[in-house]
Structure formats: structure tokens, C-alpha cells
Protein backbone atom coordinates (compact mmCIF):
# COMPACT_ATOMS: atom_id res chain seq x y z
CA UNK A 1 -38.58 -263.08 167.64
CA UNK A 2 -36.12 -260.35 166.82
CA UNK A 3 -33.00 -260.59 164.68
CA UNK A 4 -30.21 -258.22 165.63
CA UNK A 5 -26.86 -257.51 164.07
CA UNK A 6 -23.65 -257.13 166.01
CA UNK A 7 -20.54 -255.68 164.43
CA UNK A 8 -17.54 -257.88 163.86
CA UNK A 9 -14.32 -256.65 165.37
CA UNK A 10 -12.70 -256.47 161.93
CA UNK A 11 -14.77 -254.56 159.37
CA UNK A 12 -14.77 -255.74 155.78
CA UNK A 13 -17.21 -255.41 152.88
CA UNK A 14 -20.89 -254.55 152.79
CA UNK A 15 -22.89 -257.01 154.89
CA UNK A 16 -19.88 -258.01 156.99
CA UNK A 17 -19.10 -254.54 158.26
CA UNK A 18 -22.74 -253.67 158.33
CA UNK A 19 -22.90 -255.49 161.43
CA UNK A 20 -25.46 -254.67 163.51
CA UNK A 21 -26.92 -251.93 164.52
CA UNK A 22 -26.71 -252.19 168.16
CA UNK A 23 -23.65 -250.12 167.39
CA UNK A 24 -25.51 -247.71 165.16
CA UNK A 25 -24.70 -249.76 162.10
CA UNK A 26 -21.17 -248.50 162.13
CA UNK A 27 -19.28 -245.55 163.49
CA UNK A 28 -17.33 -245.09 160.29
CA UNK A 29 -17.93 -241.89 158.40
CA UNK A 30 -19.15 -242.07 154.82
CA UNK A 31 -18.54 -239.82 151.85
CA UNK A 32 -21.82 -238.20 150.81
CA UNK A 33 -22.69 -236.73 147.43
CA UNK A 34 -22.51 -232.94 147.38
CA UNK A 35 -26.23 -232.39 146.93
CA UNK A 36 -28.15 -235.67 146.67
CA UNK A 37 -31.77 -235.63 145.61
CA UNK A 38 -34.28 -236.55 148.28
CA UNK A 39 -35.20 -240.23 148.47
CA UNK A 40 -36.16 -242.93 149.18
CA UNK A 41 -34.56 -244.05 145.93
CA UNK A 42 -35.01 -246.90 143.50
CA UNK A 43 -31.81 -248.90 143.04
CA UNK A 44 -31.74 -247.95 139.34
CA UNK A 45 -31.97 -244.20 139.97
CA UNK A 46 -29.98 -243.70 143.17
CA UNK A 47 -27.42 -240.86 142.90
CA UNK A 48 -23.93 -241.95 141.91
CA UNK A 49 -21.74 -242.49 144.95
CA UNK A 50 -24.66 -242.67 147.38
CA UNK A 51 -24.31 -246.34 148.34
CA UNK A 52 -21.13 -247.02 150.28
CA UNK A 53 -19.39 -250.21 151.36
CA UNK A 54 -20.63 -249.65 154.90
CA UNK A 55 -24.31 -249.77 153.92
CA UNK A 56 -26.51 -252.65 155.09
CA UNK A 57 -27.83 -254.75 152.19
CA UNK A 58 -31.12 -256.42 153.08
CA UNK A 59 -32.06 -257.56 149.60
CA UNK A 60 -35.14 -255.45 148.87
CA UNK A 61 -33.76 -252.54 150.91
CA UNK A 62 -30.36 -250.95 151.41
CA UNK A 63 -29.80 -248.71 154.43
CA UNK A 64 -27.15 -246.09 155.11
CA UNK A 65 -25.27 -246.19 158.42
CA UNK A 66 -27.32 -244.60 161.21
CA UNK A 67 -25.14 -243.78 164.24
CA UNK A 68 -26.95 -244.27 167.52
CA UNK A 69 -29.59 -246.55 165.99
CA UNK A 70 -30.01 -250.29 166.31
CA UNK A 71 -31.26 -252.37 163.39
CA UNK A 72 -33.59 -255.26 164.14
CA UNK A 73 -35.34 -257.64 161.78
CA UNK A 74 -38.74 -258.77 162.98
CA UNK A 75 -39.42 -262.39 162.06
CA UNK A 76 -42.83 -264.00 161.66
CA UNK A 77 -42.60 -267.00 163.99
CA UNK A 78 -45.14 -269.00 161.96
CA UNK A 79 -43.49 -268.62 158.55
CA UNK A 80 -39.91 -267.91 159.60
CA UNK A 81 -39.83 -265.06 157.10
CA UNK A 82 -38.57 -261.57 157.93
CA UNK A 83 -41.67 -259.41 158.25
CA UNK A 84 -40.25 -255.94 158.86
CA UNK A 85 -37.09 -253.89 159.31
CA UNK A 86 -36.94 -251.87 162.51
CA UNK A 87 -34.52 -249.09 163.48
CA UNK A 88 -34.62 -248.33 167.19
CA UNK A 89 -33.18 -245.74 169.57
CA UNK A 90 -33.86 -244.65 173.14
CA UNK A 91 -36.49 -242.10 172.11
CA UNK A 92 -38.36 -244.11 169.48
CA UNK A 93 -38.23 -246.32 166.43
CA UNK A 94 -38.99 -246.55 162.71
CA UNK A 95 -40.40 -249.64 161.02
CA UNK A 96 -39.82 -250.09 157.27
CA UNK A 97 -41.84 -252.32 154.93
CA UNK A 98 -41.63 -252.41 151.13
CA UNK A 99 -44.38 -253.75 148.87
CA UNK A 100 -44.81 -254.53 145.18
CA UNK A 101 -47.02 -252.07 143.30
CA UNK A 102 -48.29 -251.60 139.74
CA UNK A 103 -46.31 -249.30 137.51
CA UNK A 104 -47.21 -245.61 138.00
CA UNK A 105 -49.76 -246.48 140.71
CA UNK A 106 -50.47 -244.30 143.76
CA UNK A 107 -50.65 -247.30 146.06
CA UNK A 108 -50.06 -245.28 149.22
CA UNK A 109 -53.12 -243.08 148.82
CA UNK A 110 -55.12 -246.13 147.75
CA UNK A 111 -54.18 -247.87 151.00
CA UNK A 112 -54.98 -244.94 153.32
CA UNK A 113 -58.74 -245.65 153.62
CA UNK A 114 -58.05 -249.27 154.60
CA UNK A 115 -55.44 -248.22 157.17
CA UNK A 116 -57.82 -245.68 158.71
CA UNK A 117 -60.64 -248.22 158.86
CA UNK A 118 -58.44 -250.84 160.49
CA UNK A 119 -57.33 -248.46 163.26
CA UNK A 120 -60.84 -247.16 163.88
CA UNK A 121 -62.29 -250.68 164.06
CA UNK A 122 -59.77 -251.46 166.80
CA UNK A 123 -60.95 -248.45 168.80
CA UNK A 124 -58.24 -246.02 167.73
CA UNK A 125 -58.33 -242.55 166.24
CA UNK A 126 -56.74 -241.28 163.04
CA UNK A 127 -55.84 -237.93 161.50
CA UNK A 128 -54.21 -236.89 158.24
CA UNK A 129 -51.05 -234.80 158.15
CA UNK A 130 -49.27 -233.21 155.20
CA UNK A 131 -45.59 -234.10 155.39
CA UNK A 132 -42.51 -234.09 153.14
CA UNK A 133 -43.82 -237.04 151.08
CA UNK A 134 -47.47 -235.97 150.94
CA UNK A 135 -50.35 -237.24 153.05
CA UNK A 136 -49.32 -239.04 156.22
CA UNK A 137 -51.49 -240.86 158.75
CA UNK A 138 -51.37 -240.22 162.48
CA UNK A 139 -52.90 -242.93 164.64
CA UNK A 140 -53.63 -243.11 168.36
CA UNK A 141 -54.42 -246.33 170.20
CA UNK A 142 -55.17 -246.88 173.87
CA UNK A 143 -52.65 -249.25 175.44
CA UNK A 144 -51.60 -250.43 178.89
CA UNK A 145 -48.09 -249.84 180.18
CA UNK A 146 -46.06 -252.56 181.88
CA UNK A 147 -47.27 -251.31 185.26
CA UNK A 148 -50.87 -251.57 184.14
CA UNK A 149 -51.46 -247.85 183.75
CA UNK A 150 -53.44 -246.72 180.69
CA UNK A 151 -51.69 -244.71 178.00
CA UNK A 152 -52.09 -243.62 174.39
CA UNK A 153 -49.64 -244.82 171.74
CA UNK A 154 -49.23 -242.55 168.74
CA UNK A 155 -47.73 -243.58 165.43
CA UNK A 156 -46.92 -241.64 162.27
CA UNK A 157 -47.24 -243.55 158.99
CA UNK A 158 -45.42 -242.28 155.90
CA UNK A 159 -45.89 -243.76 152.45
CA UNK A 160 -43.64 -243.31 149.43
CA UNK A 161 -44.59 -244.49 145.92
CA UNK A 162 -41.71 -245.72 143.78
CA UNK A 163 -41.42 -247.41 140.36
CA UNK A 164 -43.43 -250.61 140.92
CA UNK A 165 -43.00 -250.46 144.70
CA UNK A 166 -44.30 -248.66 147.77
CA UNK A 167 -42.30 -248.07 150.94
CA UNK A 168 -44.13 -247.59 154.23
CA UNK A 169 -42.37 -246.11 157.26
CA UNK A 170 -43.98 -246.14 160.69
CA UNK A 171 -42.55 -243.85 163.36
CA UNK A 172 -43.12 -244.62 167.04
CA UNK A 173 -42.27 -242.80 170.26
CA UNK A 174 -41.09 -239.18 170.27
CA UNK A 175 -40.45 -239.13 166.49
CA UNK A 176 -44.17 -239.81 165.99
CA UNK A 177 -45.29 -237.05 168.35
CA UNK A 178 -42.76 -234.24 168.07
CA UNK A 179 -41.87 -232.74 164.65
CA UNK A 180 -38.36 -231.79 165.74
CA UNK A 181 -37.66 -235.33 166.98
CA UNK A 182 -38.93 -236.72 163.69
CA UNK A 183 -36.50 -234.72 161.51
CA UNK A 184 -33.56 -237.03 162.19
CA UNK A 185 -35.64 -240.07 161.21
CA UNK A 186 -36.86 -238.32 158.06
CA UNK A 187 -33.22 -237.91 157.00
CA UNK A 188 -32.68 -241.65 157.44
CA UNK A 189 -35.75 -242.38 155.34
CA UNK A 190 -34.52 -240.01 152.63
CA UNK A 191 -31.55 -242.30 151.95
CA UNK A 192 -33.28 -245.68 151.89
CA UNK A 193 -32.72 -247.49 148.57
CA UNK A 194 -35.33 -250.01 147.38
CA UNK A 195 -34.43 -252.97 145.15
CA UNK A 196 -37.68 -254.43 143.82
CA UNK A 197 -36.38 -256.87 141.24
CA UNK A 198 -37.77 -257.43 137.75
CA UNK A 199 -39.98 -260.46 138.36
CA UNK A 200 -43.76 -260.14 138.35
CA UNK A 201 -45.32 -259.82 141.81
CA UNK A 202 -48.91 -259.46 142.99
CA UNK A 203 -49.95 -255.96 144.06
CA UNK A 204 -49.27 -255.47 147.75
CA UNK A 205 -46.92 -258.44 148.15
CA UNK A 206 -44.17 -257.70 150.66
CA UNK A 207 -40.73 -257.48 149.06
CA UNK A 208 -38.38 -260.09 150.49
CA UNK A 209 -35.94 -258.95 153.18
CA UNK A 210 -32.78 -261.04 153.37
CA UNK A 211 -30.33 -261.53 156.19
CA UNK A 212 -26.98 -259.91 155.32
CA UNK A 213 -23.94 -262.18 154.97
CA UNK A 214 -22.14 -262.98 158.20
CA UNK A 215 -24.82 -261.39 160.39
CA UNK A 216 -25.71 -263.49 163.38
CA UNK A 217 -29.11 -264.16 164.86
CA UNK A 218 -29.91 -263.22 168.44
CA UNK A 219 -33.09 -264.47 170.09
CA UNK A 220 -34.90 -261.89 172.20
């Protein structure tokens, strides 16, 4: 099941105007700090003025408007919980997942061996790539297209360690295969803000994603 957001005809505050992303979040322009540091950011250290009223507040994550992108929330049908945040466009997509991590831990590099092993056990291939946030993982899996023809699906996994959290971004489609196509998605990732919360959480537990106020659910 997929949750999508559709914009209300009358924009208002964050969450209401954040309407969905089938419209690219919103077409409104946003004032940007003169020279913001590169994120993703923790909510407590995000640059002043970065988060605008037109941002989408998903609880553990806050996303800047992304014109031309659609925001979907993937729901686990067994638990009813939101499992992942997905930004989609005609040429590809980016999935975002945030996890609890120990303080000052390098959870991303700790998780790389397990990710490689999982892909390889399913018959796929992996390769490491040095990207803007350090070591990334490229995966290739054999798949069948809708017409039954064989193909290879490539993904690009990016991990970012934050204060007591880790954010994992998975690029699919052209952004995962072509560096130039991936630049636009990297800029979106640079402005993600993570809100972990202060409560104790087990290492690796997914941070809760919440449905924004006044968003409406659409069954796919």
C-alpha cells in the first residue's frame, strides 16, 4: 500500500500546505540561507532559517519542497506502520529510512558488510563507491520487466551518520546509474532534517514516520 499526499487548494501551515507531492510538494519558492552547511542535519543543529512553513513534517524527518517530485509513504500492510519515505519522479526515485544509533557510532560502515551479504545471497552483485558522504554501496539485481524480459536493476545506497541516528538513502533508476542524474537527488538529501527524539531506543530501530496533519490517504 502506498500513501500519497495531494495539495489542498488553499495552502496554510506546515503539514497542510505540504500536501502531497504529486505536485512536487509545492510550487512555492522558499527563502534559502545564504550559504547553508551540507546536511542531512539534526533538528538541533540545522542552520537558522533552513526549515520553512512549506516543509513536510513527517515526525522523524522533515523534507524541503522538491518541485517535480512526488512523496509517497510506504506502509507495511501487516503492521500498518509507515515503513519508508519515497520521493519519486519519471526518471527514478529515492527511498529514505532513519534509524536509531548509539552516540558517536559509525553505524553506516558497520552495516555495510550485512548489506553486501544480503544482496549477494540473493544472487546480486555489489561494489563500493566513494561519494559525498563517504563509502556508498552499488547493488545490481537481476529482475524481470512487466513484459517478461530480463533486466538488471541497479541501486545506490548512501548512509549518513548523525547524533544518535543514521539516515539511509536508496537511489533507483537513472539517479542510481548516472552521476549527473544523481546530483539533483543529492541536493535533496543535503537538506533532509532528522528529528530523533530524546527517548532511549534500541540500536537499529526505525525512527517513527508520522502522517502529516490534513494529508489524505490514497490506496494504490
